[in-house]
Amino acid sequence: MNKIVKKTLPVLLTSAAVIVALLVLRQLWVYYMDEPWTRDAHVGAHVVQVAPDVSGLVETVQVADNQAVTKGDLLFVVDRARYRIALEQARANLAERQASVAQLRREIGRDRSLQDLVAAEDAEVRRAKLQAAQAALATAQAAVDLAELNLGRTEVWAPADGRVNDRTLRVGDYVVAGKPVLALLDTGSFRVDGYFEETRLRGVAPGQSVDIRLMGESAPLRGHVESIAAGIEDRYRSNGSTLLPNVTPAFDWVRLAQRIPVRIAIDEVPKGVELIAGRTATVTVDTGRHPHNDKAGTAPTQAGL
């Protein structure tokens, strides 16, 4: 009996080890070839391009590079002298128009008291002048409102909570209305954009839980699938000069899987992990969990706080 055991035991152990190894290899094969995961993922965030609404020289800059700001913080000020003068001119013009209207109203009132002595034609002319003066008065009031608005817009405020990124604006720079001069990273919009091979999208759906691992960090982040892109650019087709399809020939024996963008919302950030737009990440989707179907869109929380 002992001889039989001694002979069969190594065989059984070897067979068991081979079976376990095959099962492990199969699981690894399924994970790496079929499971929805990708190393082609990056942290993203909305970037607000801050532009002045008026042109002029920069008088002061109130923020430093990479400084955190809250919505409503003063970022920089455009030279106000020119806009103060424009407001004074507009107010002077308004006062002149108001005086003209008042004078015409007095004349019309006098005409009414001397109705028998004033020709009807002269009275009609004065009424027409009054209407024109009232229109000019409204225009002057609008000019004052615009001048006040422009003077107020010389101060540029943060439109959202975030961090000033790569600040190159300096005192004395000339800025142009509508041209961005500061980049503000909206810290409330951090997300992960994962680019999945189309062969690994099977079973992926919004709301599914996602494991996020940033390069250089040991602690994983938690998130959920927010949305899947509805389309990507067709690089093999364009319109020719005749408006007919121009299709690039493809090699049938080489078929590379397309990358489909999947937007992932960040739900939990471990303490000590810094979210920086552009960081590389590896993401794995748990197709069996949908804990965020009713919580999509919630802001990320800092674990341990």
C-alpha atoms as a PDB file:
ATOM      1  CA  MET A   1       0.000   0.000   0.000  1.00  0.00           C
ATOM      2  CA  ASN A   2       2.812   2.348   0.928  1.00  0.00           C
ATOM      3  CA  LYS A   3       4.535   1.561  -2.348  1.00  0.00           C
ATOM      4  CA  ILE A   4       1.389   2.477  -4.293  1.00  0.00           C
ATOM      5  CA  VAL A   5       1.039   5.735  -2.377  1.00  0.00           C
ATOM      6  CA  LYS A   6       4.690   6.557  -2.927  1.00  0.00           C
ATOM      7  CA  LYS A   7       4.296   5.976  -6.658  1.00  0.00           C
ATOM      8  CA  THR A   8       0.988   7.787  -7.159  1.00  0.00           C
ATOM      9  CA  LEU A   9       1.518  10.734  -4.806  1.00  0.00           C
ATOM     10  CA  PRO A  10       4.134  12.494  -6.952  1.00  0.00           C
ATOM     11  CA  VAL A  11       1.953  11.960 -10.003  1.00  0.00           C
ATOM     12  CA  LEU A  12      -1.093  13.390  -8.225  1.00  0.00           C
ATOM     13  CA  LEU A  13       0.842  16.348  -6.878  1.00  0.00           C
ATOM     14  CA  THR A  14       2.349  17.045 -10.275  1.00  0.00           C
ATOM     15  CA  SER A  15      -1.049  16.758 -11.947  1.00  0.00           C
ATOM     16  CA  ALA A  16      -2.623  19.055  -9.356  1.00  0.00           C
ATOM     17  CA  ALA A  17       0.154  21.595  -9.815  1.00  0.00           C
ATOM     18  CA  VAL A  18      -0.269  21.475 -13.595  1.00  0.00           C
ATOM     19  CA  ILE A  19      -4.053  21.906 -13.302  1.00  0.00           C
ATOM     20  CA  VAL A  20      -3.666  24.845 -10.920  1.00  0.00           C
ATOM     21  CA  ALA A  21      -1.086  26.414 -13.212  1.00  0.00           C
ATOM     22  CA  LEU A  22      -3.385  25.971 -16.213  1.00  0.00           C
ATOM     23  CA  LEU A  23      -6.292  27.527 -14.319  1.00  0.00           C
ATOM     24  CA  VAL A  24      -4.126  30.455 -13.280  1.00  0.00           C
ATOM     25  CA  LEU A  25      -2.879  30.900 -16.833  1.00  0.00           C
ATOM     26  CA  ARG A  26      -6.443  30.761 -18.121  1.00  0.00           C
ATOM     27  CA  GLN A  27      -7.562  33.403 -15.639  1.00  0.00           C
ATOM     28  CA  LEU A  28      -4.625  35.592 -16.573  1.00  0.00           C
ATOM     29  CA  TRP A  29      -5.409  35.111 -20.251  1.00  0.00           C
ATOM     30  CA  VAL A  30      -9.062  36.033 -19.732  1.00  0.00           C
ATOM     31  CA  TYR A  31      -8.105  39.045 -17.613  1.00  0.00           C
ATOM     32  CA  TYR A  32      -5.531  40.450 -19.994  1.00  0.00           C
ATOM     33  CA  MET A  33      -7.361  39.626 -23.219  1.00  0.00           C
ATOM     34  CA  ASP A  34     -11.050  39.948 -22.386  1.00  0.00           C
ATOM     35  CA  GLU A  35     -11.589  41.859 -19.140  1.00  0.00           C
ATOM     36  CA  PRO A  36     -12.359  45.583 -19.496  1.00  0.00           C
ATOM     37  CA  TRP A  37      -9.125  47.218 -18.362  1.00  0.00           C
ATOM     38  CA  THR A  38      -6.597  49.551 -19.912  1.00  0.00           C
ATOM     39  CA  ARG A  39      -3.304  51.209 -19.078  1.00  0.00           C
ATOM     40  CA  ASP A  40      -4.074  53.941 -21.597  1.00  0.00           C
ATOM     41  CA  ALA A  41      -5.889  56.280 -19.230  1.00  0.00           C
ATOM     42  CA  HIS A  42      -5.219  59.790 -18.016  1.00  0.00           C
ATOM     43  CA  VAL A  43      -6.549  62.182 -15.410  1.00  0.00           C
ATOM     44  CA  GLY A  44      -8.437  65.039 -17.032  1.00  0.00           C
ATOM     45  CA  ALA A  45     -10.111  68.260 -15.935  1.00  0.00           C
ATOM     46  CA  HIS A  46     -11.838  71.255 -17.468  1.00  0.00           C
ATOM     47  CA  VAL A  47      -9.567  74.190 -18.198  1.00  0.00           C
ATOM     48  CA  VAL A  48     -11.194  77.619 -18.096  1.00  0.00           C
ATOM     49  CA  GLN A  49      -9.456  80.064 -20.420  1.00  0.00           C
ATOM     50  CA  VAL A  50      -9.701  83.379 -18.608  1.00  0.00           C
ATOM     51  CA  ALA A  51      -9.874  86.384 -20.926  1.00  0.00           C
ATOM     52  CA  PRO A  52     -10.489  90.056 -20.116  1.00  0.00           C
ATOM     53  CA  ASP A  53     -13.644  91.712 -21.413  1.00  0.00           C
ATOM     54  CA  VAL A  54     -11.776  94.992 -22.027  1.00  0.00           C
ATOM     55  CA  SER A  55      -8.397  95.818 -23.561  1.00  0.00           C
ATOM     56  CA  GLY A  56      -5.547  97.656 -21.893  1.00  0.00           C
ATOM     57  CA  LEU A  57      -2.354  97.415 -19.872  1.00  0.00           C
ATOM     58  CA  VAL A  58      -2.266  95.061 -16.904  1.00  0.00           C
ATOM     59  CA  GLU A  59      -2.143  97.180 -13.753  1.00  0.00           C
ATOM     60  CA  THR A  60      -1.852  94.454 -11.101  1.00  0.00           C
ATOM     61  CA  VAL A  61      -1.745  90.648 -10.965  1.00  0.00           C
ATOM     62  CA  GLN A  62      -3.187  89.201  -7.774  1.00  0.00           C
ATOM     63  CA  VAL A  63      -2.342  85.496  -8.175  1.00  0.00           C
ATOM     64  CA  ALA A  64       0.818  83.423  -8.374  1.00  0.00           C
ATOM     65  CA  ASP A  65       1.553  80.438 -10.571  1.00  0.00           C
ATOM     66  CA  ASN A  66      -0.254  77.259  -9.405  1.00  0.00           C
ATOM     67  CA  GLN A  67      -2.125  79.218  -6.725  1.00  0.00           C
ATOM     68  CA  ALA A  68      -5.455  77.824  -5.562  1.00  0.00           C
ATOM     69  CA  VAL A  69      -8.352  80.255  -5.968  1.00  0.00           C
ATOM     70  CA  THR A  70     -12.050  80.209  -5.227  1.00  0.00           C
ATOM     71  CA  LYS A  71     -14.843  81.518  -7.407  1.00  0.00           C
ATOM     72  CA  GLY A  72     -14.955  85.302  -7.159  1.00  0.00           C
ATOM     73  CA  ASP A  73     -11.294  85.858  -6.239  1.00  0.00           C
ATOM     74  CA  LEU A  74      -9.621  88.785  -8.007  1.00  0.00           C
ATOM     75  CA  LEU A  75      -7.125  87.554 -10.615  1.00  0.00           C
ATOM     76  CA  PHE A  76      -5.810  90.726 -12.259  1.00  0.00           C
ATOM     77  CA  VAL A  77      -6.752  94.329 -13.014  1.00  0.00           C
ATOM     78  CA  VAL A  78      -6.576  96.169 -16.335  1.00  0.00           C
ATOM     79  CA  ASP A  79      -5.517  99.845 -16.216  1.00  0.00           C
ATOM     80  CA  ARG A  80      -8.648 101.764 -15.199  1.00  0.00           C
ATOM     81  CA  ALA A  81      -7.643 105.371 -16.034  1.00  0.00           C
ATOM     82  CA  ARG A  82      -8.903 105.293 -19.619  1.00  0.00           C
ATOM     83  CA  TYR A  83     -12.200 103.732 -18.590  1.00  0.00           C
ATOM     84  CA  ARG A  84     -12.714 106.271 -15.777  1.00  0.00           C
ATOM     85  CA  ILE A  85     -12.268 109.090 -18.304  1.00  0.00           C
ATOM     86  CA  ALA A  86     -14.703 107.396 -20.701  1.00  0.00           C
ATOM     87  CA  LEU A  87     -17.263 107.176 -17.891  1.00  0.00           C
ATOM     88  CA  GLU A  88     -16.830 110.860 -17.018  1.00  0.00           C
ATOM     89  CA  GLN A  89     -17.300 111.813 -20.677  1.00  0.00           C
ATOM     90  CA  ALA A  90     -20.427 109.679 -20.906  1.00  0.00           C
ATOM     91  CA  ARG A  91     -21.853 111.252 -17.756  1.00  0.00           C
ATOM     92  CA  ALA A  92     -21.113 114.761 -19.054  1.00  0.00           C
ATOM     93  CA  ASN A  93     -22.860 113.952 -22.317  1.00  0.00           C
ATOM     94  CA  LEU A  94     -25.808 112.566 -20.356  1.00  0.00           C
ATOM     95  CA  ALA A  95     -26.054 115.776 -18.319  1.00  0.00           C
ATOM     96  CA  GLU A  96     -26.026 117.809 -21.535  1.00  0.00           C
ATOM     97  CA  ARG A  97     -28.840 115.705 -23.004  1.00  0.00           C
ATOM     98  CA  GLN A  98     -30.846 115.993 -19.800  1.00  0.00           C
ATOM     99  CA  ALA A  99     -30.502 119.801 -19.939  1.00  0.00           C
ATOM    100  CA  SER A 100     -31.655 119.851 -23.565  1.00  0.00           C
ATOM    101  CA  VAL A 101     -34.740 117.800 -22.749  1.00  0.00           C
ATOM    102  CA  ALA A 102     -35.543 120.014 -19.762  1.00  0.00           C
ATOM    103  CA  GLN A 103     -35.211 123.177 -21.888  1.00  0.00           C
ATOM    104  CA  LEU A 104     -37.500 121.833 -24.606  1.00  0.00           C
ATOM    105  CA  ARG A 105     -40.092 120.806 -22.035  1.00  0.00           C
ATOM    106  CA  ARG A 106     -40.076 124.332 -20.613  1.00  0.00           C
ATOM    107  CA  GLU A 107     -40.531 125.800 -24.076  1.00  0.00           C
ATOM    108  CA  ILE A 108     -43.423 123.444 -24.824  1.00  0.00           C
ATOM    109  CA  GLY A 109     -45.014 124.352 -21.497  1.00  0.00           C
ATOM    110  CA  ARG A 110     -44.706 128.042 -22.368  1.00  0.00           C
ATOM    111  CA  ASP A 111     -46.272 127.405 -25.772  1.00  0.00           C
ATOM    112  CA  ARG A 112     -49.270 125.845 -24.080  1.00  0.00           C
ATOM    113  CA  SER A 113     -49.704 128.873 -21.833  1.00  0.00           C
ATOM    114  CA  LEU A 114     -49.461 131.164 -24.854  1.00  0.00           C
ATOM    115  CA  GLN A 115     -51.519 128.972 -27.129  1.00  0.00           C
ATOM    116  CA  ASP A 116     -53.168 131.886 -28.946  1.00  0.00           C
ATOM    117  CA  LEU A 117     -49.850 133.645 -29.620  1.00  0.00           C
ATOM    118  CA  VAL A 118     -47.736 130.671 -30.817  1.00  0.00           C
ATOM    119  CA  ALA A 119     -48.174 129.258 -34.287  1.00  0.00           C
ATOM    120  CA  ALA A 120     -49.229 125.619 -34.436  1.00  0.00           C
ATOM    121  CA  GLU A 121     -46.333 124.875 -36.760  1.00  0.00           C
ATOM    122  CA  ASP A 122     -43.780 126.196 -34.241  1.00  0.00           C
ATOM    123  CA  ALA A 123     -45.327 124.101 -31.468  1.00  0.00           C
ATOM    124  CA  GLU A 124     -45.160 120.991 -33.639  1.00  0.00           C
ATOM    125  CA  VAL A 125     -41.488 121.660 -34.405  1.00  0.00           C
ATOM    126  CA  ARG A 126     -40.681 121.903 -30.685  1.00  0.00           C
ATOM    127  CA  ARG A 127     -42.503 118.639 -29.970  1.00  0.00           C
ATOM    128  CA  ALA A 128     -40.464 116.908 -32.691  1.00  0.00           C
ATOM    129  CA  LYS A 129     -37.268 118.341 -31.198  1.00  0.00           C
ATOM    130  CA  LEU A 130     -38.299 117.025 -27.790  1.00  0.00           C
ATOM    131  CA  GLN A 131     -38.781 113.520 -29.152  1.00  0.00           C
ATOM    132  CA  ALA A 132     -35.336 113.641 -30.789  1.00  0.00           C
ATOM    133  CA  ALA A 133     -33.796 114.962 -27.580  1.00  0.00           C
ATOM    134  CA  GLN A 134     -35.421 112.186 -25.541  1.00  0.00           C
ATOM    135  CA  ALA A 135     -33.986 109.597 -27.942  1.00  0.00           C
ATOM    136  CA  ALA A 136     -30.550 111.197 -27.606  1.00  0.00           C
ATOM    137  CA  LEU A 137     -30.994 111.142 -23.827  1.00  0.00           C
ATOM    138  CA  ALA A 138     -31.711 107.394 -23.893  1.00  0.00           C
ATOM    139  CA  THR A 139     -28.602 106.862 -26.033  1.00  0.00           C
ATOM    140  CA  ALA A 140     -26.513 108.898 -23.598  1.00  0.00           C
ATOM    141  CA  GLN A 141     -27.852 106.865 -20.668  1.00  0.00           C
ATOM    142  CA  ALA A 142     -26.918 103.640 -22.483  1.00  0.00           C
ATOM    143  CA  ALA A 143     -23.422 105.051 -23.058  1.00  0.00           C
ATOM    144  CA  VAL A 144     -23.096 105.712 -19.315  1.00  0.00           C
ATOM    145  CA  ASP A 145     -24.251 102.174 -18.528  1.00  0.00           C
ATOM    146  CA  LEU A 146     -21.708 100.761 -20.985  1.00  0.00           C
ATOM    147  CA  ALA A 147     -18.903 102.911 -19.568  1.00  0.00           C
ATOM    148  CA  GLU A 148     -19.753 101.748 -16.037  1.00  0.00           C
ATOM    149  CA  LEU A 149     -19.791  98.148 -17.233  1.00  0.00           C
ATOM    150  CA  ASN A 150     -16.402  98.518 -18.939  1.00  0.00           C
ATOM    151  CA  LEU A 151     -14.924 100.122 -15.836  1.00  0.00           C
ATOM    152  CA  GLY A 152     -16.195  97.233 -13.726  1.00  0.00           C
ATOM    153  CA  ARG A 153     -14.831  94.705 -16.207  1.00  0.00           C
ATOM    154  CA  THR A 154     -11.291  96.017 -15.720  1.00  0.00           C
ATOM    155  CA  GLU A 155     -11.254  93.723 -12.693  1.00  0.00           C
ATOM    156  CA  VAL A 156     -11.118  90.069 -13.756  1.00  0.00           C
ATOM    157  CA  TRP A 157     -12.417  87.536 -11.230  1.00  0.00           C
ATOM    158  CA  ALA A 158     -12.066  83.759 -10.993  1.00  0.00           C
ATOM    159  CA  PRO A 159     -15.092  82.141 -12.701  1.00  0.00           C
ATOM    160  CA  ALA A 160     -14.739  78.876 -10.733  1.00  0.00           C
ATOM    161  CA  ASP A 161     -12.822  77.174  -7.943  1.00  0.00           C
ATOM    162  CA  GLY A 162      -9.501  75.927  -9.222  1.00  0.00           C
ATOM    163  CA  ARG A 163      -5.800  76.515  -9.618  1.00  0.00           C
ATOM    164  CA  VAL A 164      -4.003  78.997 -11.825  1.00  0.00           C
ATOM    165  CA  ASN A 165      -1.810  76.991 -14.171  1.00  0.00           C
ATOM    166  CA  ASP A 166       1.371  78.166 -15.920  1.00  0.00           C
ATOM    167  CA  ARG A 167       0.837  81.863 -15.221  1.00  0.00           C
ATOM    168  CA  THR A 168       2.823  83.993 -17.653  1.00  0.00           C
ATOM    169  CA  LEU A 169       0.805  87.210 -17.279  1.00  0.00           C
ATOM    170  CA  ARG A 170       2.875  90.106 -15.956  1.00  0.00           C
ATOM    171  CA  VAL A 171       2.233  93.691 -14.912  1.00  0.00           C
ATOM    172  CA  GLY A 172       2.592  95.936 -17.962  1.00  0.00           C
ATOM    173  CA  ASP A 173       1.447  93.331 -20.483  1.00  0.00           C
ATOM    174  CA  TYR A 174      -1.153  94.589 -22.947  1.00  0.00           C
ATOM    175  CA  VAL A 175      -4.213  92.369 -23.001  1.00  0.00           C
ATOM    176  CA  VAL A 176      -6.895  92.284 -25.676  1.00  0.00           C
ATOM    177  CA  ALA A 177     -10.581  91.801 -24.993  1.00  0.00           C
ATOM    178  CA  GLY A 178     -11.634  88.219 -25.616  1.00  0.00           C
ATOM    179  CA  LYS A 179      -8.091  86.819 -25.852  1.00  0.00           C
ATOM    180  CA  PRO A 180      -7.260  84.286 -23.075  1.00  0.00           C
ATOM    181  CA  VAL A 181      -4.320  85.227 -20.869  1.00  0.00           C
ATOM    182  CA  LEU A 182      -4.732  82.819 -17.917  1.00  0.00           C
ATOM    183  CA  ALA A 183      -5.547  79.121 -17.633  1.00  0.00           C
ATOM    184  CA  LEU A 184      -7.634  78.108 -14.629  1.00  0.00           C
ATOM    185  CA  LEU A 185      -7.869  74.387 -13.897  1.00  0.00           C
ATOM    186  CA  ASP A 186     -11.328  73.629 -12.491  1.00  0.00           C
ATOM    187  CA  THR A 187     -10.510  71.377  -9.523  1.00  0.00           C
ATOM    188  CA  GLY A 188     -14.130  70.344  -9.231  1.00  0.00           C
ATOM    189  CA  SER A 189     -14.089  68.676 -12.639  1.00  0.00           C
ATOM    190  CA  PHE A 190     -11.368  66.018 -12.225  1.00  0.00           C
ATOM    191  CA  ARG A 191     -12.127  62.781 -14.045  1.00  0.00           C
ATOM    192  CA  VAL A 192     -10.313  59.898 -15.733  1.00  0.00           C
ATOM    193  CA  ASP A 193     -10.480  59.334 -19.477  1.00  0.00           C
ATOM    194  CA  GLY A 194      -9.802  55.690 -20.286  1.00  0.00           C
ATOM    195  CA  TYR A 195      -9.159  54.578 -23.860  1.00  0.00           C
ATOM    196  CA  PHE A 196     -10.335  50.974 -24.112  1.00  0.00           C
ATOM    197  CA  GLU A 197      -9.687  48.643 -27.005  1.00  0.00           C
ATOM    198  CA  GLU A 198     -12.992  47.864 -28.667  1.00  0.00           C
ATOM    199  CA  THR A 199     -12.462  44.168 -27.913  1.00  0.00           C
ATOM    200  CA  ARG A 200     -12.567  44.941 -24.179  1.00  0.00           C
ATOM    201  CA  LEU A 201     -15.739  46.990 -24.064  1.00  0.00           C
ATOM    202  CA  ARG A 202     -18.073  44.027 -23.781  1.00  0.00           C
ATOM    203  CA  GLY A 203     -20.235  44.376 -20.706  1.00  0.00           C
ATOM    204  CA  VAL A 204     -19.083  47.902 -19.851  1.00  0.00           C
ATOM    205  CA  ALA A 205     -21.987  50.182 -18.917  1.00  0.00           C
ATOM    206  CA  PRO A 206     -22.495  53.492 -17.098  1.00  0.00           C
ATOM    207  CA  GLY A 207     -22.610  53.146 -13.330  1.00  0.00           C
ATOM    208  CA  GLN A 208     -20.188  50.234 -13.047  1.00  0.00           C
ATOM    209  CA  SER A 209     -17.521  50.466 -10.365  1.00  0.00           C
ATOM    210  CA  VAL A 210     -13.961  51.189 -11.519  1.00  0.00           C
ATOM    211  CA  ASP A 211     -10.599  50.602  -9.858  1.00  0.00           C
ATOM    212  CA  ILE A 212      -8.166  53.420 -10.721  1.00  0.00           C
ATOM    213  CA  ARG A 213      -4.426  53.183 -10.111  1.00  0.00           C
ATOM    214  CA  LEU A 214      -2.300  56.233 -10.807  1.00  0.00           C
ATOM    215  CA  MET A 215       1.286  55.737 -11.877  1.00  0.00           C
ATOM    216  CA  GLY A 216       3.539  56.276  -8.883  1.00  0.00           C
ATOM    217  CA  GLU A 217       0.766  55.744  -6.323  1.00  0.00           C
ATOM    218  CA  SER A 218       0.212  52.565  -4.324  1.00  0.00           C
ATOM    219  CA  ALA A 219      -3.292  53.323  -3.060  1.00  0.00           C
ATOM    220  CA  PRO A 220      -6.090  52.843  -5.612  1.00  0.00           C
ATOM    221  CA  LEU A 221      -8.811  55.373  -6.345  1.00  0.00           C
ATOM    222  CA  ARG A 222     -12.455  54.420  -6.717  1.00  0.00           C
ATOM    223  CA  GLY A 223     -14.739  55.641  -9.450  1.00  0.00           C
ATOM    224  CA  HIS A 224     -17.527  54.636 -11.772  1.00  0.00           C
ATOM    225  CA  VAL A 225     -18.221  54.632 -15.486  1.00  0.00           C
ATOM    226  CA  GLU A 226     -19.941  57.889 -16.364  1.00  0.00           C
ATOM    227  CA  SER A 227     -20.319  57.532 -20.127  1.00  0.00           C
ATOM    228  CA  ILE A 228     -18.975  55.818 -23.231  1.00  0.00           C
ATOM    229  CA  ALA A 229     -18.135  57.773 -26.371  1.00  0.00           C
ATOM    230  CA  ALA A 230     -20.737  57.485 -29.117  1.00  0.00           C
ATOM    231  CA  GLY A 231     -18.180  57.662 -31.915  1.00  0.00           C
ATOM    232  CA  ILE A 232     -14.584  58.258 -32.952  1.00  0.00           C
ATOM    233  CA  GLU A 233     -13.068  59.695 -36.096  1.00  0.00           C
ATOM    234  CA  ASP A 234     -12.874  57.426 -39.136  1.00  0.00           C
ATOM    235  CA  ARG A 235      -9.244  57.839 -40.179  1.00  0.00           C
ATOM    236  CA  TYR A 236      -9.680  55.638 -43.221  1.00  0.00           C
ATOM    237  CA  ARG A 237     -12.284  57.781 -44.929  1.00  0.00           C
ATOM    238  CA  SER A 238     -12.446  61.373 -46.118  1.00  0.00           C
ATOM    239  CA  ASN A 239     -14.255  63.310 -48.811  1.00  0.00           C
ATOM    240  CA  GLY A 240     -12.379  63.907 -52.018  1.00  0.00           C
ATOM    241  CA  SER A 241     -12.603  66.914 -54.315  1.00  0.00           C
ATOM    242  CA  THR A 242     -15.564  65.283 -56.068  1.00  0.00           C
ATOM    243  CA  LEU A 243     -17.366  64.787 -52.720  1.00  0.00           C
ATOM    244  CA  LEU A 244     -17.058  61.025 -53.175  1.00  0.00           C
ATOM    245  CA  PRO A 245     -15.689  58.852 -50.356  1.00  0.00           C
ATOM    246  CA  ASN A 246     -11.898  58.564 -50.336  1.00  0.00           C
ATOM    247  CA  VAL A 247     -11.139  55.313 -48.507  1.00  0.00           C
ATOM    248  CA  THR A 248      -7.558  54.513 -47.489  1.00  0.00           C
ATOM    249  CA  PRO A 249      -6.558  50.913 -48.367  1.00  0.00           C
ATOM    250  CA  ALA A 250      -6.121  48.682 -45.315  1.00  0.00           C
ATOM    251  CA  PHE A 251      -4.002  45.548 -44.877  1.00  0.00           C
ATOM    252  CA  ASP A 252      -6.422  42.729 -44.148  1.00  0.00           C
ATOM    253  CA  TRP A 253      -3.882  40.699 -42.171  1.00  0.00           C
ATOM    254  CA  VAL A 254      -3.224  43.582 -39.754  1.00  0.00           C
ATOM    255  CA  ARG A 255      -6.300  44.654 -37.830  1.00  0.00           C
ATOM    256  CA  LEU A 256      -5.641  46.868 -34.851  1.00  0.00           C
ATOM    257  CA  ALA A 257      -8.421  47.347 -32.339  1.00  0.00           C
ATOM    258  CA  GLN A 258      -9.706  50.900 -32.150  1.00  0.00           C
ATOM    259  CA  ARG A 259      -9.517  52.811 -28.868  1.00  0.00           C
ATOM    260  CA  ILE A 260     -12.870  53.969 -27.507  1.00  0.00           C
ATOM    261  CA  PRO A 261     -12.930  56.798 -24.926  1.00  0.00           C
ATOM    262  CA  VAL A 262     -14.713  55.976 -21.671  1.00  0.00           C
ATOM    263  CA  ARG A 263     -15.264  58.763 -19.163  1.00  0.00           C
ATOM    264  CA  ILE A 264     -14.838  57.723 -15.532  1.00  0.00           C
ATOM    265  CA  ALA A 265     -16.040  59.832 -12.620  1.00  0.00           C
ATOM    266  CA  ILE A 266     -13.813  59.837  -9.535  1.00  0.00           C
ATOM    267  CA  ASP A 267     -15.688  58.982  -6.339  1.00  0.00           C
ATOM    268  CA  GLU A 268     -12.970  58.501  -3.728  1.00  0.00           C
ATOM    269  CA  VAL A 269      -9.405  59.771  -3.542  1.00  0.00           C
ATOM    270  CA  PRO A 270      -7.076  58.267  -0.900  1.00  0.00           C
ATOM    271  CA  LYS A 271      -5.485  60.663   1.531  1.00  0.00           C
ATOM    272  CA  GLY A 272      -2.185  61.992   0.239  1.00  0.00           C
ATOM    273  CA  VAL A 273      -2.916  61.336  -3.444  1.00  0.00           C
ATOM    274  CA  GLU A 274      -2.655  64.474  -5.567  1.00  0.00           C
ATOM    275  CA  LEU A 275      -4.905  64.743  -8.598  1.00  0.00           C
ATOM    276  CA  ILE A 276      -3.010  66.361 -11.457  1.00  0.00           C
ATOM    277  CA  ALA A 277      -4.466  66.665 -14.928  1.00  0.00           C
ATOM    278  CA  GLY A 278      -2.492  64.523 -17.359  1.00  0.00           C
ATOM    279  CA  ARG A 279      -1.336  61.859 -14.879  1.00  0.00           C
ATOM    280  CA  THR A 280      -1.201  58.328 -16.261  1.00  0.00           C
ATOM    281  CA  ALA A 281      -3.576  55.742 -14.854  1.00  0.00           C
ATOM    282  CA  THR A 282      -4.532  52.092 -15.190  1.00  0.00           C
ATOM    283  CA  VAL A 283      -8.254  51.419 -14.867  1.00  0.00           C
ATOM    284  CA  THR A 284     -10.181  48.183 -14.414  1.00  0.00           C
ATOM    285  CA  VAL A 285     -13.968  48.022 -14.702  1.00  0.00           C
ATOM    286  CA  ASP A 286     -15.895  45.712 -12.391  1.00  0.00           C
ATOM    287  CA  THR A 287     -18.706  44.685 -14.728  1.00  0.00           C
ATOM    288  CA  GLY A 288     -20.547  42.978 -11.903  1.00  0.00           C
ATOM    289  CA  ARG A 289     -20.977  46.041  -9.705  1.00  0.00           C
ATOM    290  CA  HIS A 290     -23.315  48.991 -10.315  1.00  0.00           C
ATOM    291  CA  PRO A 291     -23.163  50.919  -7.029  1.00  0.00           C
ATOM    292  CA  HIS A 292     -23.395  54.309  -8.676  1.00  0.00           C
ATOM    293  CA  ASN A 293     -26.436  54.036 -10.899  1.00  0.00           C
ATOM    294  CA  ASP A 294     -28.308  56.353  -8.548  1.00  0.00           C
ATOM    295  CA  LYS A 295     -25.292  58.420  -7.531  1.00  0.00           C
ATOM    296  CA  ALA A 296     -23.763  59.389 -10.848  1.00  0.00           C
ATOM    297  CA  GLY A 297     -22.325  62.865 -10.916  1.00  0.00           C
ATOM    298  CA  THR A 298     -21.395  63.084  -7.225  1.00  0.00           C
ATOM    299  CA  ALA A 299     -18.201  64.923  -6.349  1.00  0.00           C
ATOM    300  CA  PRO A 300     -15.094  62.931  -5.340  1.00  0.00           C
ATOM    301  CA  THR A 301     -14.396  62.578  -1.639  1.00  0.00           C
ATOM    302  CA  GLN A 302     -11.058  62.441   0.134  1.00  0.00           C
ATOM    303  CA  ALA A 303     -10.716  59.212   2.102  1.00  0.00           C
ATOM    304  CA  GLY A 304      -9.869  59.620   5.732  1.00  0.00           C
ATOM    305  CA  LEU A 305     -11.120  63.216   5.933  1.00  0.00           C
END
